[in-house]
Amino acid sequence: MDNNIGTRLKALRTMHGLSQREVAKRAGVTNSTISLIEQDRVSPSVDSLKKVLDSFSISLVDFLTMDMESDETIFFEKDHLVEFFENGAHLKLVGANRKDRKLRFLHERYEVGAHSGEDMITHNSEEAGIVIKGKIELTVGQRKKILKVGDSYYINNNIPHRFKNVGKDECIIVSAATPPSF
């Protein structure tokens, strides 16, 4: 753990995409104060540091214990996604190798006539998605609808559902589910 206040503050500011000037304005301190803290040229009082951290809505304890060097992968190149293939459906999973993953995020590509399987899918997750290319027939319980580009869906826990590409071109969907079912 890096206990260096300046390094931590700069990392926090960068994670939030803020300039030193924006942080200073939010915290009610001067820009030079933020700059000097980040350069470890001054050590802020606890009150001053708390004032700055309040602008990020982070507690002093969380700030001092935040993980500065996560070994978790953050960015995933398209060729490094885990891909599942069945019945003409190509599912690319983002973040498959992340520990304690709380979200299943998929890029789904259905060839013409492809489907998610003969049987309906049931899982203990809420799932949502949006069609970004083509069209797909989505059956949810007894209801059926053809979704086109820009259309989306939201399915609650344990409701049987099935996808089938009924279009003349491939269909692409981006979807997410929580908790992840695989």
C-alpha atoms as a PDB file:
ATOM      1  CA  MET A   1       0.000   0.000   0.000  1.00  0.00           C
ATOM      2  CA  ASP A   2       1.312   3.440  -0.968  1.00  0.00           C
ATOM      3  CA  ASN A   3       0.763   5.844   1.939  1.00  0.00           C
ATOM      4  CA  ASN A   4       1.996   8.781  -0.123  1.00  0.00           C
ATOM      5  CA  ILE A   5      -0.842  11.356   0.084  1.00  0.00           C
ATOM      6  CA  GLY A   6       0.236  13.217  -3.057  1.00  0.00           C
ATOM      7  CA  THR A   7       0.380  10.085  -5.209  1.00  0.00           C
ATOM      8  CA  ARG A   8      -2.998   8.958  -3.896  1.00  0.00           C
ATOM      9  CA  LEU A   9      -4.628  12.345  -4.496  1.00  0.00           C
ATOM     10  CA  LYS A  10      -3.295  12.541  -8.042  1.00  0.00           C
ATOM     11  CA  ALA A  11      -4.527   8.992  -8.774  1.00  0.00           C
ATOM     12  CA  LEU A  12      -7.965   9.805  -7.350  1.00  0.00           C
ATOM     13  CA  ARG A  13      -8.178  13.037  -9.333  1.00  0.00           C
ATOM     14  CA  THR A  14      -7.093  11.272 -12.531  1.00  0.00           C
ATOM     15  CA  MET A  15      -9.604   8.438 -11.996  1.00  0.00           C
ATOM     16  CA  HIS A  16     -12.341  11.072 -11.849  1.00  0.00           C
ATOM     17  CA  GLY A  17     -10.994  12.859 -14.929  1.00  0.00           C
ATOM     18  CA  LEU A  18     -10.606  16.180 -13.103  1.00  0.00           C
ATOM     19  CA  SER A  19      -7.996  18.904 -13.379  1.00  0.00           C
ATOM     20  CA  GLN A  20      -6.235  20.306 -10.334  1.00  0.00           C
ATOM     21  CA  ARG A  21      -8.200  23.518 -10.855  1.00  0.00           C
ATOM     22  CA  GLU A  22     -11.543  21.653 -10.802  1.00  0.00           C
ATOM     23  CA  VAL A  23     -10.620  19.814  -7.591  1.00  0.00           C
ATOM     24  CA  ALA A  24      -9.474  23.054  -5.958  1.00  0.00           C
ATOM     25  CA  LYS A  25     -12.724  24.789  -6.880  1.00  0.00           C
ATOM     26  CA  ARG A  26     -14.842  21.919  -5.533  1.00  0.00           C
ATOM     27  CA  ALA A  27     -12.847  21.775  -2.293  1.00  0.00           C
ATOM     28  CA  GLY A  28     -12.668  25.533  -1.782  1.00  0.00           C
ATOM     29  CA  VAL A  29      -8.869  25.650  -1.785  1.00  0.00           C
ATOM     30  CA  THR A  30      -6.340  27.156  -4.157  1.00  0.00           C
ATOM     31  CA  ASN A  31      -5.067  25.388  -7.252  1.00  0.00           C
ATOM     32  CA  SER A  32      -1.522  25.707  -5.906  1.00  0.00           C
ATOM     33  CA  THR A  33      -2.564  23.852  -2.735  1.00  0.00           C
ATOM     34  CA  ILE A  34      -3.669  20.834  -4.781  1.00  0.00           C
ATOM     35  CA  SER A  35      -0.500  21.031  -6.875  1.00  0.00           C
ATOM     36  CA  LEU A  36       1.768  21.202  -3.815  1.00  0.00           C
ATOM     37  CA  ILE A  37      -0.028  18.282  -2.128  1.00  0.00           C
ATOM     38  CA  GLU A  38       0.276  16.138  -5.273  1.00  0.00           C
ATOM     39  CA  GLN A  39       3.998  16.952  -5.481  1.00  0.00           C
ATOM     40  CA  ASP A  40       4.415  16.078  -1.784  1.00  0.00           C
ATOM     41  CA  ARG A  41       5.830  19.536  -1.164  1.00  0.00           C
ATOM     42  CA  VAL A  42       3.295  20.154   1.621  1.00  0.00           C
ATOM     43  CA  SER A  43       1.516  17.835   4.001  1.00  0.00           C
ATOM     44  CA  PRO A  44      -2.118  18.852   4.385  1.00  0.00           C
ATOM     45  CA  SER A  45      -3.762  18.935   7.783  1.00  0.00           C
ATOM     46  CA  VAL A  46      -6.400  16.275   8.388  1.00  0.00           C
ATOM     47  CA  ASP A  47      -9.097  18.969   8.075  1.00  0.00           C
ATOM     48  CA  SER A  48      -7.690  20.229   4.767  1.00  0.00           C
ATOM     49  CA  LEU A  49      -7.369  16.723   3.369  1.00  0.00           C
ATOM     50  CA  LYS A  50     -10.911  15.880   4.479  1.00  0.00           C
ATOM     51  CA  LYS A  51     -12.174  19.018   2.702  1.00  0.00           C
ATOM     52  CA  VAL A  52     -10.474  17.900  -0.523  1.00  0.00           C
ATOM     53  CA  LEU A  53     -11.707  14.302  -0.171  1.00  0.00           C
ATOM     54  CA  ASP A  54     -15.282  15.479   0.461  1.00  0.00           C
ATOM     55  CA  SER A  55     -15.252  16.864  -3.087  1.00  0.00           C
ATOM     56  CA  PHE A  56     -14.826  13.237  -4.262  1.00  0.00           C
ATOM     57  CA  SER A  57     -17.330  11.823  -1.740  1.00  0.00           C
ATOM     58  CA  ILE A  58     -14.660   9.509  -0.331  1.00  0.00           C
ATOM     59  CA  SER A  59     -13.831   9.031   3.339  1.00  0.00           C
ATOM     60  CA  LEU A  60     -10.346   9.465   4.730  1.00  0.00           C
ATOM     61  CA  VAL A  61     -10.203   5.745   5.581  1.00  0.00           C
ATOM     62  CA  ASP A  62     -11.270   4.717   2.057  1.00  0.00           C
ATOM     63  CA  PHE A  63      -8.743   7.147   0.564  1.00  0.00           C
ATOM     64  CA  LEU A  64      -5.886   5.778   2.652  1.00  0.00           C
ATOM     65  CA  THR A  65      -6.799   2.145   1.953  1.00  0.00           C
ATOM     66  CA  MET A  66      -7.756   2.352  -1.740  1.00  0.00           C
ATOM     67  CA  ASP A  67      -5.933  -0.132  -3.962  1.00  0.00           C
ATOM     68  CA  MET A  68      -3.325   1.806  -5.910  1.00  0.00           C
ATOM     69  CA  GLU A  69      -2.053  -1.073  -8.022  1.00  0.00           C
ATOM     70  CA  SER A  70      -4.814  -3.467  -8.896  1.00  0.00           C
ATOM     71  CA  ASP A  71      -3.689  -6.529 -10.798  1.00  0.00           C
ATOM     72  CA  GLU A  72      -7.150  -6.733 -12.348  1.00  0.00           C
ATOM     73  CA  THR A  73      -7.316  -6.219 -16.091  1.00  0.00           C
ATOM     74  CA  ILE A  74      -9.206  -3.062 -16.971  1.00  0.00           C
ATOM     75  CA  PHE A  75      -8.960  -2.892 -20.758  1.00  0.00           C
ATOM     76  CA  PHE A  76      -9.715  -5.794 -23.093  1.00  0.00           C
ATOM     77  CA  GLU A  77      -8.690  -5.911 -26.743  1.00  0.00           C
ATOM     78  CA  LYS A  78     -11.291  -7.517 -29.006  1.00  0.00           C
ATOM     79  CA  ASP A  79      -9.071 -10.521 -29.755  1.00  0.00           C
ATOM     80  CA  HIS A  80      -8.647 -11.302 -26.044  1.00  0.00           C
ATOM     81  CA  LEU A  81     -12.313 -11.681 -25.118  1.00  0.00           C
ATOM     82  CA  VAL A  82     -13.495 -15.148 -24.112  1.00  0.00           C
ATOM     83  CA  GLU A  83     -15.843 -16.403 -26.856  1.00  0.00           C
ATOM     84  CA  PHE A  84     -18.591 -18.992 -26.627  1.00  0.00           C
ATOM     85  CA  PHE A  85     -20.162 -20.407 -29.788  1.00  0.00           C
ATOM     86  CA  GLU A  86     -23.301 -22.492 -30.111  1.00  0.00           C
ATOM     87  CA  ASN A  87     -26.180 -22.715 -32.609  1.00  0.00           C
ATOM     88  CA  GLY A  88     -24.691 -19.913 -34.726  1.00  0.00           C
ATOM     89  CA  ALA A  89     -24.544 -17.545 -31.755  1.00  0.00           C
ATOM     90  CA  HIS A  90     -21.148 -16.025 -30.918  1.00  0.00           C
ATOM     91  CA  LEU A  91     -20.979 -14.605 -27.392  1.00  0.00           C
ATOM     92  CA  LYS A  92     -17.921 -12.575 -26.358  1.00  0.00           C
ATOM     93  CA  LEU A  93     -17.593 -12.096 -22.604  1.00  0.00           C
ATOM     94  CA  VAL A  94     -15.893  -8.976 -21.264  1.00  0.00           C
ATOM     95  CA  GLY A  95     -13.886  -9.458 -18.063  1.00  0.00           C
ATOM     96  CA  ALA A  96     -14.120 -13.251 -17.849  1.00  0.00           C
ATOM     97  CA  ASN A  97     -10.877 -13.418 -15.862  1.00  0.00           C
ATOM     98  CA  ARG A  98     -11.877 -10.843 -13.236  1.00  0.00           C
ATOM     99  CA  LYS A  99     -12.074 -12.132  -9.681  1.00  0.00           C
ATOM    100  CA  ASP A 100     -15.432 -11.726  -7.939  1.00  0.00           C
ATOM    101  CA  ARG A 101     -17.072 -10.438 -11.122  1.00  0.00           C
ATOM    102  CA  LYS A 102     -20.554  -9.022 -10.374  1.00  0.00           C
ATOM    103  CA  LEU A 103     -21.596  -8.380 -13.973  1.00  0.00           C
ATOM    104  CA  ARG A 104     -21.857 -10.404 -17.164  1.00  0.00           C
ATOM    105  CA  PHE A 105     -21.271  -8.093 -20.119  1.00  0.00           C
ATOM    106  CA  LEU A 106     -21.597  -9.608 -23.589  1.00  0.00           C
ATOM    107  CA  HIS A 107     -21.137  -8.726 -27.236  1.00  0.00           C
ATOM    108  CA  GLU A 108     -23.540 -11.159 -28.918  1.00  0.00           C
ATOM    109  CA  ARG A 109     -23.470 -11.923 -32.644  1.00  0.00           C
ATOM    110  CA  TYR A 110     -26.171 -14.126 -34.157  1.00  0.00           C
ATOM    111  CA  GLU A 111     -25.705 -15.487 -37.675  1.00  0.00           C
ATOM    112  CA  VAL A 112     -28.802 -15.595 -39.904  1.00  0.00           C
ATOM    113  CA  GLY A 113     -31.145 -18.207 -38.391  1.00  0.00           C
ATOM    114  CA  ALA A 114     -28.997 -18.569 -35.255  1.00  0.00           C
ATOM    115  CA  HIS A 115     -30.619 -18.920 -31.850  1.00  0.00           C
ATOM    116  CA  SER A 116     -29.740 -19.163 -28.186  1.00  0.00           C
ATOM    117  CA  GLY A 117     -30.773 -22.819 -28.033  1.00  0.00           C
ATOM    118  CA  GLU A 118     -33.799 -25.054 -28.506  1.00  0.00           C
ATOM    119  CA  ASP A 119     -34.764 -24.660 -24.858  1.00  0.00           C
ATOM    120  CA  MET A 120     -35.620 -21.375 -23.192  1.00  0.00           C
ATOM    121  CA  ILE A 121     -32.876 -19.834 -21.023  1.00  0.00           C
ATOM    122  CA  THR A 122     -33.530 -19.334 -17.322  1.00  0.00           C
ATOM    123  CA  HIS A 123     -31.067 -17.799 -14.886  1.00  0.00           C
ATOM    124  CA  ASN A 124     -31.154 -16.006 -11.571  1.00  0.00           C
ATOM    125  CA  SER A 125     -30.090 -12.665 -13.052  1.00  0.00           C
ATOM    126  CA  GLU A 126     -31.595  -9.451 -14.291  1.00  0.00           C
ATOM    127  CA  GLU A 127     -30.604  -8.992 -17.921  1.00  0.00           C
ATOM    128  CA  ALA A 128     -30.789  -6.046 -20.296  1.00  0.00           C
ATOM    129  CA  GLY A 129     -29.583  -5.514 -23.829  1.00  0.00           C
ATOM    130  CA  ILE A 130     -29.800  -3.351 -26.913  1.00  0.00           C
ATOM    131  CA  VAL A 131     -29.795  -4.349 -30.582  1.00  0.00           C
ATOM    132  CA  ILE A 132     -27.047  -2.511 -32.438  1.00  0.00           C
ATOM    133  CA  LYS A 133     -27.311  -4.319 -35.798  1.00  0.00           C
ATOM    134  CA  GLY A 134     -29.972  -6.430 -37.522  1.00  0.00           C
ATOM    135  CA  LYS A 135     -33.051  -7.765 -35.800  1.00  0.00           C
ATOM    136  CA  ILE A 136     -33.797 -10.521 -33.317  1.00  0.00           C
ATOM    137  CA  GLU A 137     -36.912 -12.327 -32.188  1.00  0.00           C
ATOM    138  CA  LEU A 138     -37.034 -12.379 -28.396  1.00  0.00           C
ATOM    139  CA  THR A 139     -39.418 -14.741 -26.648  1.00  0.00           C
ATOM    140  CA  VAL A 140     -39.954 -13.976 -22.958  1.00  0.00           C
ATOM    141  CA  GLY A 141     -42.338 -16.392 -21.267  1.00  0.00           C
ATOM    142  CA  GLN A 142     -45.372 -16.457 -23.586  1.00  0.00           C
ATOM    143  CA  ARG A 143     -44.598 -13.072 -25.169  1.00  0.00           C
ATOM    144  CA  LYS A 144     -42.718 -12.660 -28.443  1.00  0.00           C
ATOM    145  CA  LYS A 145     -41.368  -9.525 -30.122  1.00  0.00           C
ATOM    146  CA  ILE A 146     -39.005  -8.722 -32.974  1.00  0.00           C
ATOM    147  CA  LEU A 147     -36.464  -6.147 -31.857  1.00  0.00           C
ATOM    148  CA  LYS A 148     -34.684  -3.941 -34.402  1.00  0.00           C
ATOM    149  CA  VAL A 149     -31.676  -1.620 -34.219  1.00  0.00           C
ATOM    150  CA  GLY A 150     -32.015   0.659 -31.210  1.00  0.00           C
ATOM    151  CA  ASP A 151     -34.659  -1.498 -29.508  1.00  0.00           C
ATOM    152  CA  SER A 152     -33.819  -2.928 -26.114  1.00  0.00           C
ATOM    153  CA  TYR A 153     -35.089  -5.330 -23.472  1.00  0.00           C
ATOM    154  CA  TYR A 154     -34.983  -5.850 -19.721  1.00  0.00           C
ATOM    155  CA  ILE A 155     -35.739  -9.300 -18.278  1.00  0.00           C
ATOM    156  CA  ASN A 156     -36.237  -9.957 -14.563  1.00  0.00           C
ATOM    157  CA  ASN A 157     -34.912 -12.971 -12.647  1.00  0.00           C
ATOM    158  CA  ASN A 158     -35.878 -16.494 -13.663  1.00  0.00           C
ATOM    159  CA  ILE A 159     -38.136 -15.627 -16.608  1.00  0.00           C
ATOM    160  CA  PRO A 160     -37.568 -18.139 -19.441  1.00  0.00           C
ATOM    161  CA  HIS A 161     -36.426 -16.460 -22.646  1.00  0.00           C
ATOM    162  CA  ARG A 162     -34.949 -17.259 -26.054  1.00  0.00           C
ATOM    163  CA  PHE A 163     -33.279 -15.308 -28.869  1.00  0.00           C
ATOM    164  CA  LYS A 164     -33.544 -16.090 -32.596  1.00  0.00           C
ATOM    165  CA  ASN A 165     -32.201 -14.118 -35.548  1.00  0.00           C
ATOM    166  CA  VAL A 166     -35.150 -13.900 -37.936  1.00  0.00           C
ATOM    167  CA  GLY A 167     -33.520 -11.255 -40.134  1.00  0.00           C
ATOM    168  CA  LYS A 168     -31.662 -11.491 -43.432  1.00  0.00           C
ATOM    169  CA  ASP A 169     -28.389 -10.269 -41.894  1.00  0.00           C
ATOM    170  CA  GLU A 170     -26.415 -11.022 -38.752  1.00  0.00           C
ATOM    171  CA  CYS A 171     -27.706  -9.479 -35.549  1.00  0.00           C
ATOM    172  CA  ILE A 172     -25.537  -7.880 -32.887  1.00  0.00           C
ATOM    173  CA  ILE A 173     -26.658  -7.236 -29.326  1.00  0.00           C
ATOM    174  CA  VAL A 174     -24.773  -5.761 -26.398  1.00  0.00           C
ATOM    175  CA  SER A 175     -26.122  -7.105 -23.109  1.00  0.00           C
ATOM    176  CA  ALA A 176     -25.441  -7.140 -19.393  1.00  0.00           C
ATOM    177  CA  ALA A 177     -26.697  -9.315 -16.542  1.00  0.00           C
ATOM    178  CA  THR A 178     -26.241  -9.178 -12.808  1.00  0.00           C
ATOM    179  CA  PRO A 179     -25.352 -11.283 -11.001  1.00  0.00           C
ATOM    180  CA  PRO A 180     -23.487 -13.089 -13.789  1.00  0.00           C
ATOM    181  CA  SER A 181     -24.962 -16.442 -14.761  1.00  0.00           C
ATOM    182  CA  PHE A 182     -21.667 -17.625 -16.319  1.00  0.00           C
END
